[in-house]
Amino acid sequence: MKKKSVIIFILLLAIFIFNGCNSALEKNDVSEIDVVNKLFKLKDAYIGDASKVRAIIDLANNTEYKVENIELKTDTKPFRLTVNFAVDDRANYRYIDNNGLNRMSGFIFALVKNADEISYYFYDDFADRGNPENAFSGSYYTKENLCERISSDKITTDYIEKSTDTIQIFEEYYKTIMATKVAEPDRGFLNKVYEFIGDDCEIVVNSSIGAEIELDNYNESDFAIISEQLPNDIGKYQGVGIKAHFMLYDIRNFKTGEIKQCVFLYYVHSNEGIVMIESDFVDRERYNKILRLIMNAQSE
């Protein structure tokens, strides 16, 4: 009898778990359908309708970013929507969720019919809010570049325009947009850079200068110049067929505003990944000497 009771108990438990899983699935399905229905009711919105546009953004925002406010440019074309995000600390947001912004843009362009452009800006407590030049990150979208970013044969400007013709078409569009995923670039080297410069610093946009060099191609005197500028023992990397990468950056301490120059020399090992030969802050004299080495390498 005890054995039978145990079997019955296990069966009842299995049924309970199965039903619980089904209930969870049904709740998720209902939640998704609810979002689709709410978004569809907001179709044919226009850029000047601030409350409707904000409602769309709140429903379409599937990122972890908190929307602080929105701005609407409605006086002349191109009509633009600006979404400002507030985050706690930019060091936690080195890499922006491009897939999340792509999906959000897909829904906004489908529902706000006269939206020509969307700009996203990210601010923390060390950024002058409302001034895009001081935002620590930003992204710009049009319907055309959204389609290019997603790189899907199905996501076209025509598909976006017709996505709200019926609730059935919009439901399919919603699922298609949510399923899109673009490959993120390999950030192994940048991780090493951020690890070296620390959480209070960031790379100044458009400050990078670099070149690929083959250490074995340098004669003794030229290699001596490189060794003089890079204190680490790089002699051990000569004669082994390494293609290394020289990079110079301007590095800003966003808490103090101080800007320094930084040099990196690294190569990619087939098993170990990024191997950093040199990481160092440099004064202006060393910067200029290394810059000449890079410029010479670029011209070869």
C-alpha atoms as a PDB file:
ATOM      1  CA  MET A   1       0.000   0.000   0.000  1.00  0.00           C
ATOM      2  CA  LYS A   2       2.827   2.357   0.838  1.00  0.00           C
ATOM      3  CA  LYS A   3       4.378   1.774  -2.566  1.00  0.00           C
ATOM      4  CA  LYS A   4       1.050   2.577  -4.306  1.00  0.00           C
ATOM      5  CA  SER A   5       0.650   5.739  -2.259  1.00  0.00           C
ATOM      6  CA  VAL A   6       4.121   6.922  -3.266  1.00  0.00           C
ATOM      7  CA  ILE A   7       3.369   6.286  -6.965  1.00  0.00           C
ATOM      8  CA  ILE A   8       0.064   8.167  -6.757  1.00  0.00           C
ATOM      9  CA  PHE A   9       1.794  11.050  -4.991  1.00  0.00           C
ATOM     10  CA  ILE A  10       4.487  11.270  -7.700  1.00  0.00           C
ATOM     11  CA  LEU A  11       1.828  11.224 -10.439  1.00  0.00           C
ATOM     12  CA  LEU A  12      -0.155  13.964  -8.736  1.00  0.00           C
ATOM     13  CA  LEU A  13       3.026  16.020  -8.281  1.00  0.00           C
ATOM     14  CA  ALA A  14       3.910  15.603 -11.963  1.00  0.00           C
ATOM     15  CA  ILE A  15       0.412  16.712 -13.004  1.00  0.00           C
ATOM     16  CA  PHE A  16       0.655  19.699 -10.682  1.00  0.00           C
ATOM     17  CA  ILE A  17       4.070  20.742 -12.119  1.00  0.00           C
ATOM     18  CA  PHE A  18       2.837  20.251 -15.703  1.00  0.00           C
ATOM     19  CA  ASN A  19      -0.256  22.351 -15.083  1.00  0.00           C
ATOM     20  CA  GLY A  20       1.880  24.981 -13.356  1.00  0.00           C
ATOM     21  CA  CYS A  21       4.171  25.200 -16.384  1.00  0.00           C
ATOM     22  CA  ASN A  22       1.173  25.499 -18.686  1.00  0.00           C
ATOM     23  CA  SER A  23      -0.233  28.278 -16.543  1.00  0.00           C
ATOM     24  CA  ALA A  24       3.083  30.133 -16.694  1.00  0.00           C
ATOM     25  CA  LEU A  25       3.194  29.770 -20.461  1.00  0.00           C
ATOM     26  CA  GLU A  26      -0.379  30.973 -20.781  1.00  0.00           C
ATOM     27  CA  LYS A  27       0.431  33.999 -18.605  1.00  0.00           C
ATOM     28  CA  ASN A  28       3.420  34.853 -20.799  1.00  0.00           C
ATOM     29  CA  ASP A  29       1.305  34.460 -23.939  1.00  0.00           C
ATOM     30  CA  VAL A  30      -1.433  36.648 -22.487  1.00  0.00           C
ATOM     31  CA  SER A  31       1.161  39.253 -21.491  1.00  0.00           C
ATOM     32  CA  GLU A  32       2.592  39.377 -25.019  1.00  0.00           C
ATOM     33  CA  ILE A  33      -0.867  39.567 -26.582  1.00  0.00           C
ATOM     34  CA  ASP A  34      -1.750  42.345 -24.146  1.00  0.00           C
ATOM     35  CA  VAL A  35       1.298  44.378 -25.229  1.00  0.00           C
ATOM     36  CA  VAL A  36       0.501  43.796 -28.907  1.00  0.00           C
ATOM     37  CA  ASN A  37      -3.096  44.924 -28.430  1.00  0.00           C
ATOM     38  CA  LYS A  38      -2.074  48.018 -26.447  1.00  0.00           C
ATOM     39  CA  LEU A  39       0.506  49.000 -29.054  1.00  0.00           C
ATOM     40  CA  PHE A  40      -1.909  48.427 -31.924  1.00  0.00           C
ATOM     41  CA  LYS A  41      -4.462  50.762 -30.304  1.00  0.00           C
ATOM     42  CA  LEU A  42      -1.822  53.499 -30.509  1.00  0.00           C
ATOM     43  CA  LYS A  43      -1.275  53.104 -34.252  1.00  0.00           C
ATOM     44  CA  ASP A  44      -1.411  56.132 -36.531  1.00  0.00           C
ATOM     45  CA  ALA A  45       0.094  58.311 -33.825  1.00  0.00           C
ATOM     46  CA  TYR A  46       1.854  61.496 -34.870  1.00  0.00           C
ATOM     47  CA  ILE A  47       5.063  63.019 -33.605  1.00  0.00           C
ATOM     48  CA  GLY A  48       3.241  65.999 -32.064  1.00  0.00           C
ATOM     49  CA  ASP A  49       1.087  63.848 -29.782  1.00  0.00           C
ATOM     50  CA  ALA A  50       3.449  63.702 -26.800  1.00  0.00           C
ATOM     51  CA  SER A  51       1.288  61.551 -24.509  1.00  0.00           C
ATOM     52  CA  LYS A  52       0.619  58.952 -27.209  1.00  0.00           C
ATOM     53  CA  VAL A  53       4.268  58.846 -28.290  1.00  0.00           C
ATOM     54  CA  ARG A  54       5.406  58.422 -24.685  1.00  0.00           C
ATOM     55  CA  ALA A  55       2.897  55.589 -24.197  1.00  0.00           C
ATOM     56  CA  ILE A  56       4.334  53.828 -27.258  1.00  0.00           C
ATOM     57  CA  ILE A  57       7.879  54.241 -25.949  1.00  0.00           C
ATOM     58  CA  ASP A  58       6.989  52.846 -22.524  1.00  0.00           C
ATOM     59  CA  LEU A  59       5.364  49.788 -24.101  1.00  0.00           C
ATOM     60  CA  ALA A  60       8.061  49.330 -26.755  1.00  0.00           C
ATOM     61  CA  ASN A  61      11.024  49.736 -24.392  1.00  0.00           C
ATOM     62  CA  ASN A  62      12.305  46.177 -23.893  1.00  0.00           C
ATOM     63  CA  THR A  63      15.717  47.352 -22.680  1.00  0.00           C
ATOM     64  CA  GLU A  64      16.895  47.802 -19.103  1.00  0.00           C
ATOM     65  CA  TYR A  65      17.278  51.548 -19.642  1.00  0.00           C
ATOM     66  CA  LYS A  66      15.060  53.994 -17.801  1.00  0.00           C
ATOM     67  CA  VAL A  67      13.493  56.704 -19.984  1.00  0.00           C
ATOM     68  CA  GLU A  68      13.991  60.049 -18.270  1.00  0.00           C
ATOM     69  CA  ASN A  69      12.159  62.173 -20.835  1.00  0.00           C
ATOM     70  CA  ILE A  70      11.453  62.608 -24.525  1.00  0.00           C
ATOM     71  CA  GLU A  71      11.805  65.554 -26.900  1.00  0.00           C
ATOM     72  CA  LEU A  72       9.795  66.105 -30.081  1.00  0.00           C
ATOM     73  CA  LYS A  73      10.911  68.148 -33.080  1.00  0.00           C
ATOM     74  CA  THR A  74       7.673  68.994 -34.879  1.00  0.00           C
ATOM     75  CA  ASP A  75       8.225  72.389 -36.491  1.00  0.00           C
ATOM     76  CA  THR A  76      10.018  71.316 -39.684  1.00  0.00           C
ATOM     77  CA  LYS A  77      10.957  68.083 -41.412  1.00  0.00           C
ATOM     78  CA  PRO A  78      12.670  65.825 -40.695  1.00  0.00           C
ATOM     79  CA  PHE A  79      10.435  65.228 -37.675  1.00  0.00           C
ATOM     80  CA  ARG A  80      12.526  63.802 -34.868  1.00  0.00           C
ATOM     81  CA  LEU A  81      11.922  61.938 -31.624  1.00  0.00           C
ATOM     82  CA  THR A  82      14.669  62.142 -29.005  1.00  0.00           C
ATOM     83  CA  VAL A  83      14.640  59.646 -26.138  1.00  0.00           C
ATOM     84  CA  ASN A  84      16.854  60.479 -23.153  1.00  0.00           C
ATOM     85  CA  PHE A  85      17.887  57.637 -20.866  1.00  0.00           C
ATOM     86  CA  ALA A  86      19.202  58.065 -17.324  1.00  0.00           C
ATOM     87  CA  VAL A  87      21.545  55.433 -15.865  1.00  0.00           C
ATOM     88  CA  ASP A  88      23.278  55.155 -12.516  1.00  0.00           C
ATOM     89  CA  ASP A  89      26.906  54.865 -13.650  1.00  0.00           C
ATOM     90  CA  ARG A  90      28.233  54.863 -17.216  1.00  0.00           C
ATOM     91  CA  ALA A  91      30.934  52.337 -16.266  1.00  0.00           C
ATOM     92  CA  ASN A  92      28.118  49.768 -16.072  1.00  0.00           C
ATOM     93  CA  TYR A  93      26.955  50.659 -19.587  1.00  0.00           C
ATOM     94  CA  ARG A  94      30.132  50.487 -21.670  1.00  0.00           C
ATOM     95  CA  TYR A  95      28.247  48.604 -24.364  1.00  0.00           C
ATOM     96  CA  ILE A  96      24.770  49.673 -25.425  1.00  0.00           C
ATOM     97  CA  ASP A  97      22.033  47.094 -26.109  1.00  0.00           C
ATOM     98  CA  ASN A  98      21.800  47.559 -29.881  1.00  0.00           C
ATOM     99  CA  ASN A  99      19.247  44.772 -30.257  1.00  0.00           C
ATOM    100  CA  GLY A 100      16.971  46.444 -27.724  1.00  0.00           C
ATOM    101  CA  LEU A 101      17.230  49.817 -29.459  1.00  0.00           C
ATOM    102  CA  ASN A 102      16.633  48.207 -32.868  1.00  0.00           C
ATOM    103  CA  ARG A 103      13.420  46.580 -31.637  1.00  0.00           C
ATOM    104  CA  MET A 104      12.225  49.715 -29.907  1.00  0.00           C
ATOM    105  CA  SER A 105      12.847  51.739 -33.086  1.00  0.00           C
ATOM    106  CA  GLY A 106      10.977  49.152 -35.154  1.00  0.00           C
ATOM    107  CA  PHE A 107       7.837  49.651 -33.075  1.00  0.00           C
ATOM    108  CA  ILE A 108       8.121  53.452 -32.941  1.00  0.00           C
ATOM    109  CA  PHE A 109       8.524  53.786 -36.718  1.00  0.00           C
ATOM    110  CA  ALA A 110       5.583  51.430 -37.283  1.00  0.00           C
ATOM    111  CA  LEU A 111       3.226  53.296 -34.959  1.00  0.00           C
ATOM    112  CA  VAL A 112       4.339  56.950 -35.202  1.00  0.00           C
ATOM    113  CA  LYS A 113       3.691  57.403 -38.889  1.00  0.00           C
ATOM    114  CA  ASN A 114       5.486  60.710 -39.450  1.00  0.00           C
ATOM    115  CA  ALA A 115       8.570  59.966 -37.333  1.00  0.00           C
ATOM    116  CA  ASP A 116      11.530  60.518 -39.661  1.00  0.00           C
ATOM    117  CA  GLU A 117      14.365  60.184 -37.131  1.00  0.00           C
ATOM    118  CA  ILE A 118      14.924  58.772 -33.663  1.00  0.00           C
ATOM    119  CA  SER A 119      17.849  59.760 -31.446  1.00  0.00           C
ATOM    120  CA  TYR A 120      18.735  57.991 -28.202  1.00  0.00           C
ATOM    121  CA  TYR A 121      21.030  59.654 -25.651  1.00  0.00           C
ATOM    122  CA  PHE A 122      22.429  58.237 -22.422  1.00  0.00           C
ATOM    123  CA  TYR A 123      23.211  60.354 -19.362  1.00  0.00           C
ATOM    124  CA  ASP A 124      24.466  59.740 -15.870  1.00  0.00           C
ATOM    125  CA  ASP A 125      25.164  62.136 -12.968  1.00  0.00           C
ATOM    126  CA  PHE A 126      28.405  63.283 -14.614  1.00  0.00           C
ATOM    127  CA  ALA A 127      26.742  64.299 -17.885  1.00  0.00           C
ATOM    128  CA  ASP A 128      25.007  67.596 -18.602  1.00  0.00           C
ATOM    129  CA  ARG A 129      21.458  66.362 -19.145  1.00  0.00           C
ATOM    130  CA  GLY A 130      19.703  67.730 -22.181  1.00  0.00           C
ATOM    131  CA  ASN A 131      22.990  68.490 -23.964  1.00  0.00           C
ATOM    132  CA  PRO A 132      23.628  65.714 -26.506  1.00  0.00           C
ATOM    133  CA  GLU A 133      27.275  66.741 -26.825  1.00  0.00           C
ATOM    134  CA  ASN A 134      27.790  65.701 -23.201  1.00  0.00           C
ATOM    135  CA  ALA A 135      25.851  62.447 -23.399  1.00  0.00           C
ATOM    136  CA  PHE A 136      28.224  59.534 -22.857  1.00  0.00           C
ATOM    137  CA  SER A 137      26.586  57.503 -25.607  1.00  0.00           C
ATOM    138  CA  GLY A 138      24.057  57.951 -28.381  1.00  0.00           C
ATOM    139  CA  SER A 139      22.390  56.228 -31.331  1.00  0.00           C
ATOM    140  CA  TYR A 140      20.642  57.631 -34.377  1.00  0.00           C
ATOM    141  CA  TYR A 141      17.945  55.885 -36.440  1.00  0.00           C
ATOM    142  CA  THR A 142      15.966  56.330 -39.623  1.00  0.00           C
ATOM    143  CA  LYS A 143      13.751  53.658 -41.157  1.00  0.00           C
ATOM    144  CA  GLU A 144      16.431  53.029 -43.759  1.00  0.00           C
ATOM    145  CA  ASN A 145      19.344  52.572 -41.379  1.00  0.00           C
ATOM    146  CA  LEU A 146      17.181  50.445 -39.061  1.00  0.00           C
ATOM    147  CA  CYS A 147      16.658  48.004 -41.935  1.00  0.00           C
ATOM    148  CA  GLU A 148      20.405  48.058 -42.639  1.00  0.00           C
ATOM    149  CA  ARG A 149      21.268  47.418 -38.983  1.00  0.00           C
ATOM    150  CA  ILE A 150      18.866  44.514 -38.638  1.00  0.00           C
ATOM    151  CA  SER A 151      19.992  43.151 -42.022  1.00  0.00           C
ATOM    152  CA  SER A 152      16.934  40.973 -42.595  1.00  0.00           C
ATOM    153  CA  ASP A 153      15.267  40.432 -45.964  1.00  0.00           C
ATOM    154  CA  LYS A 154      11.903  40.669 -44.232  1.00  0.00           C
ATOM    155  CA  ILE A 155      12.432  43.979 -42.408  1.00  0.00           C
ATOM    156  CA  THR A 156      12.009  46.601 -45.119  1.00  0.00           C
ATOM    157  CA  THR A 157      10.672  50.151 -45.064  1.00  0.00           C
ATOM    158  CA  ASP A 158       7.576  48.895 -46.912  1.00  0.00           C
ATOM    159  CA  TYR A 159       7.009  46.193 -44.283  1.00  0.00           C
ATOM    160  CA  ILE A 160       7.306  48.809 -41.531  1.00  0.00           C
ATOM    161  CA  GLU A 161       4.816  51.109 -43.285  1.00  0.00           C
ATOM    162  CA  LYS A 162       2.224  48.334 -43.714  1.00  0.00           C
ATOM    163  CA  SER A 163       2.759  46.684 -40.327  1.00  0.00           C
ATOM    164  CA  THR A 164      -0.367  48.211 -38.775  1.00  0.00           C
ATOM    165  CA  ASP A 165      -2.819  47.494 -41.613  1.00  0.00           C
ATOM    166  CA  THR A 166      -4.521  44.820 -39.483  1.00  0.00           C
ATOM    167  CA  ILE A 167      -4.033  43.412 -35.989  1.00  0.00           C
ATOM    168  CA  GLN A 168      -2.984  40.087 -37.525  1.00  0.00           C
ATOM    169  CA  ILE A 169      -0.238  41.731 -39.598  1.00  0.00           C
ATOM    170  CA  PHE A 170       0.921  43.750 -36.594  1.00  0.00           C
ATOM    171  CA  GLU A 171       1.049  40.654 -34.377  1.00  0.00           C
ATOM    172  CA  GLU A 172       3.288  38.965 -36.949  1.00  0.00           C
ATOM    173  CA  TYR A 173       5.377  42.148 -37.225  1.00  0.00           C
ATOM    174  CA  TYR A 174       5.751  42.298 -33.431  1.00  0.00           C
ATOM    175  CA  LYS A 175       7.017  38.716 -33.278  1.00  0.00           C
ATOM    176  CA  THR A 176       9.361  39.291 -36.218  1.00  0.00           C
ATOM    177  CA  ILE A 177      10.878  42.414 -34.654  1.00  0.00           C
ATOM    178  CA  MET A 178      11.241  40.745 -31.255  1.00  0.00           C
ATOM    179  CA  ALA A 179      13.041  37.811 -32.878  1.00  0.00           C
ATOM    180  CA  THR A 180      15.661  39.991 -34.590  1.00  0.00           C
ATOM    181  CA  LYS A 181      19.185  39.741 -33.225  1.00  0.00           C
ATOM    182  CA  VAL A 182      22.335  41.247 -34.657  1.00  0.00           C
ATOM    183  CA  ALA A 183      25.742  39.873 -33.767  1.00  0.00           C
ATOM    184  CA  GLU A 184      27.654  41.990 -31.278  1.00  0.00           C
ATOM    185  CA  PRO A 185      31.273  42.796 -32.202  1.00  0.00           C
ATOM    186  CA  ASP A 186      34.137  41.108 -30.377  1.00  0.00           C
ATOM    187  CA  ARG A 187      35.046  43.475 -27.536  1.00  0.00           C
ATOM    188  CA  GLY A 188      38.012  41.575 -26.146  1.00  0.00           C
ATOM    189  CA  PHE A 189      40.493  44.388 -26.765  1.00  0.00           C
ATOM    190  CA  LEU A 190      38.177  47.139 -25.470  1.00  0.00           C
ATOM    191  CA  ASN A 191      37.612  45.132 -22.291  1.00  0.00           C
ATOM    192  CA  LYS A 192      41.381  45.195 -21.745  1.00  0.00           C
ATOM    193  CA  VAL A 193      41.454  48.952 -22.379  1.00  0.00           C
ATOM    194  CA  TYR A 194      38.666  49.635 -19.869  1.00  0.00           C
ATOM    195  CA  GLU A 195      40.328  47.334 -17.345  1.00  0.00           C
ATOM    196  CA  PHE A 196      43.502  49.411 -17.630  1.00  0.00           C
ATOM    197  CA  ILE A 197      42.003  52.935 -17.640  1.00  0.00           C
ATOM    198  CA  GLY A 198      39.534  52.215 -14.806  1.00  0.00           C
ATOM    199  CA  ASP A 199      35.880  52.942 -14.132  1.00  0.00           C
ATOM    200  CA  ASP A 200      36.276  56.734 -13.902  1.00  0.00           C
ATOM    201  CA  CYS A 201      37.679  57.066 -17.412  1.00  0.00           C
ATOM    202  CA  GLU A 202      36.439  56.666 -20.962  1.00  0.00           C
ATOM    203  CA  ILE A 203      37.799  56.768 -24.498  1.00  0.00           C
ATOM    204  CA  VAL A 204      37.294  60.139 -26.171  1.00  0.00           C
ATOM    205  CA  VAL A 205      35.112  59.576 -29.245  1.00  0.00           C
ATOM    206  CA  ASN A 206      37.004  59.622 -32.582  1.00  0.00           C
ATOM    207  CA  SER A 207      40.387  59.907 -30.843  1.00  0.00           C
ATOM    208  CA  SER A 208      41.738  56.494 -31.847  1.00  0.00           C
ATOM    209  CA  ILE A 209      44.741  56.212 -34.158  1.00  0.00           C
ATOM    210  CA  GLY A 210      46.153  52.809 -34.953  1.00  0.00           C
ATOM    211  CA  ALA A 211      48.019  50.540 -37.309  1.00  0.00           C
ATOM    212  CA  GLU A 212      48.954  46.890 -37.661  1.00  0.00           C
ATOM    213  CA  ILE A 213      52.687  46.241 -37.493  1.00  0.00           C
ATOM    214  CA  GLU A 214      54.896  43.210 -38.029  1.00  0.00           C
ATOM    215  CA  LEU A 215      57.635  43.360 -35.424  1.00  0.00           C
ATOM    216  CA  ASP A 216      59.886  41.125 -37.523  1.00  0.00           C
ATOM    217  CA  ASN A 217      59.941  43.726 -40.302  1.00  0.00           C
ATOM    218  CA  TYR A 218      61.788  46.305 -38.200  1.00  0.00           C
ATOM    219  CA  ASN A 219      65.533  46.552 -38.398  1.00  0.00           C
ATOM    220  CA  GLU A 220      67.611  46.823 -35.257  1.00  0.00           C
ATOM    221  CA  SER A 221      67.653  50.623 -35.091  1.00  0.00           C
ATOM    222  CA  ASP A 222      63.897  50.984 -35.728  1.00  0.00           C
ATOM    223  CA  PHE A 223      63.113  48.286 -33.199  1.00  0.00           C
ATOM    224  CA  ALA A 224      65.290  50.128 -30.691  1.00  0.00           C
ATOM    225  CA  ILE A 225      63.075  53.216 -31.186  1.00  0.00           C
ATOM    226  CA  ILE A 226      59.947  51.151 -30.486  1.00  0.00           C
ATOM    227  CA  SER A 227      61.583  49.572 -27.432  1.00  0.00           C
ATOM    228  CA  GLU A 228      62.566  53.012 -26.137  1.00  0.00           C
ATOM    229  CA  GLN A 229      58.956  54.220 -26.266  1.00  0.00           C
ATOM    230  CA  LEU A 230      57.496  51.053 -24.743  1.00  0.00           C
ATOM    231  CA  PRO A 231      59.140  50.205 -21.392  1.00  0.00           C
ATOM    232  CA  ASN A 232      58.037  46.562 -21.340  1.00  0.00           C
ATOM    233  CA  ASP A 233      60.444  43.971 -22.716  1.00  0.00           C
ATOM    234  CA  ILE A 234      59.066  43.613 -26.237  1.00  0.00           C
ATOM    235  CA  GLY A 235      62.261  41.993 -27.540  1.00  0.00           C
ATOM    236  CA  LYS A 236      60.804  38.583 -26.726  1.00  0.00           C
ATOM    237  CA  TYR A 237      58.051  39.202 -29.288  1.00  0.00           C
ATOM    238  CA  GLN A 238      60.485  39.715 -32.165  1.00  0.00           C
ATOM    239  CA  GLY A 239      61.374  36.805 -34.420  1.00  0.00           C
ATOM    240  CA  VAL A 240      58.191  34.821 -33.744  1.00  0.00           C
ATOM    241  CA  GLY A 241      56.003  36.123 -36.576  1.00  0.00           C
ATOM    242  CA  ILE A 242      53.656  38.302 -34.544  1.00  0.00           C
ATOM    243  CA  LYS A 243      51.346  40.820 -36.195  1.00  0.00           C
ATOM    244  CA  ALA A 244      50.754  43.370 -33.476  1.00  0.00           C
ATOM    245  CA  HIS A 245      48.403  46.336 -33.274  1.00  0.00           C
ATOM    246  CA  PHE A 246      49.427  49.823 -32.163  1.00  0.00           C
ATOM    247  CA  MET A 247      46.628  51.998 -30.743  1.00  0.00           C
ATOM    248  CA  LEU A 248      46.659  55.529 -29.375  1.00  0.00           C
ATOM    249  CA  TYR A 249      43.677  57.007 -27.524  1.00  0.00           C
ATOM    250  CA  ASP A 250      42.731  60.186 -25.746  1.00  0.00           C
ATOM    251  CA  ILE A 251      41.358  59.124 -22.368  1.00  0.00           C
ATOM    252  CA  ARG A 252      39.021  61.385 -20.371  1.00  0.00           C
ATOM    253  CA  ASN A 253      38.343  61.174 -16.667  1.00  0.00           C
ATOM    254  CA  PHE A 254      34.642  62.057 -16.854  1.00  0.00           C
ATOM    255  CA  LYS A 255      34.531  62.948 -13.158  1.00  0.00           C
ATOM    256  CA  THR A 256      37.326  65.527 -13.273  1.00  0.00           C
ATOM    257  CA  GLY A 257      37.471  66.388 -16.992  1.00  0.00           C
ATOM    258  CA  GLU A 258      41.205  65.601 -17.163  1.00  0.00           C
ATOM    259  CA  ILE A 259      42.394  64.185 -20.500  1.00  0.00           C
ATOM    260  CA  LYS A 260      45.450  61.968 -20.938  1.00  0.00           C
ATOM    261  CA  GLN A 261      46.938  60.012 -23.816  1.00  0.00           C
ATOM    262  CA  CYS A 262      47.277  56.263 -23.704  1.00  0.00           C
ATOM    263  CA  VAL A 263      49.130  53.725 -25.883  1.00  0.00           C
ATOM    264  CA  PHE A 264      48.355  50.045 -26.362  1.00  0.00           C
ATOM    265  CA  LEU A 265      50.322  47.418 -28.245  1.00  0.00           C
ATOM    266  CA  TYR A 266      48.690  44.008 -28.468  1.00  0.00           C
ATOM    267  CA  TYR A 267      48.276  40.912 -30.596  1.00  0.00           C
ATOM    268  CA  VAL A 268      45.707  38.139 -30.866  1.00  0.00           C
ATOM    269  CA  HIS A 269      46.899  34.694 -29.780  1.00  0.00           C
ATOM    270  CA  SER A 270      45.123  31.706 -31.354  1.00  0.00           C
ATOM    271  CA  ASN A 271      44.472  30.136 -27.928  1.00  0.00           C
ATOM    272  CA  GLU A 272      44.875  32.917 -25.371  1.00  0.00           C
ATOM    273  CA  GLY A 273      42.967  35.633 -27.235  1.00  0.00           C
ATOM    274  CA  ILE A 274      44.092  39.237 -26.645  1.00  0.00           C
ATOM    275  CA  VAL A 275      47.663  39.464 -25.353  1.00  0.00           C
ATOM    276  CA  MET A 276      48.541  42.986 -24.210  1.00  0.00           C
ATOM    277  CA  ILE A 277      52.210  43.706 -24.857  1.00  0.00           C
ATOM    278  CA  GLU A 278      52.045  47.281 -23.601  1.00  0.00           C
ATOM    279  CA  SER A 279      49.512  49.520 -21.835  1.00  0.00           C
ATOM    280  CA  ASP A 280      50.729  52.889 -20.687  1.00  0.00           C
ATOM    281  CA  PHE A 281      49.776  56.526 -20.222  1.00  0.00           C
ATOM    282  CA  VAL A 282      52.182  58.710 -22.186  1.00  0.00           C
ATOM    283  CA  ASP A 283      53.235  62.340 -22.139  1.00  0.00           C
ATOM    284  CA  ARG A 284      52.938  64.503 -25.244  1.00  0.00           C
ATOM    285  CA  GLU A 285      56.545  63.871 -26.359  1.00  0.00           C
ATOM    286  CA  ARG A 286      56.149  60.089 -26.228  1.00  0.00           C
ATOM    287  CA  TYR A 287      52.730  60.371 -27.857  1.00  0.00           C
ATOM    288  CA  ASN A 288      54.181  62.220 -30.849  1.00  0.00           C
ATOM    289  CA  LYS A 289      57.006  59.699 -31.258  1.00  0.00           C
ATOM    290  CA  ILE A 290      54.594  56.771 -31.166  1.00  0.00           C
ATOM    291  CA  LEU A 291      52.258  58.618 -33.525  1.00  0.00           C
ATOM    292  CA  ARG A 292      55.117  58.866 -36.053  1.00  0.00           C
ATOM    293  CA  LEU A 293      55.706  55.107 -35.753  1.00  0.00           C
ATOM    294  CA  ILE A 294      52.002  54.485 -36.435  1.00  0.00           C
ATOM    295  CA  MET A 295      51.898  56.918 -39.365  1.00  0.00           C
ATOM    296  CA  ASN A 296      54.961  55.240 -40.888  1.00  0.00           C
ATOM    297  CA  ALA A 297      53.338  51.830 -40.490  1.00  0.00           C
ATOM    298  CA  GLN A 298      50.133  53.116 -42.163  1.00  0.00           C
ATOM    299  CA  SER A 299      52.066  54.416 -45.159  1.00  0.00           C
ATOM    300  CA  GLU A 300      53.872  51.121 -45.855  1.00  0.00           C
END
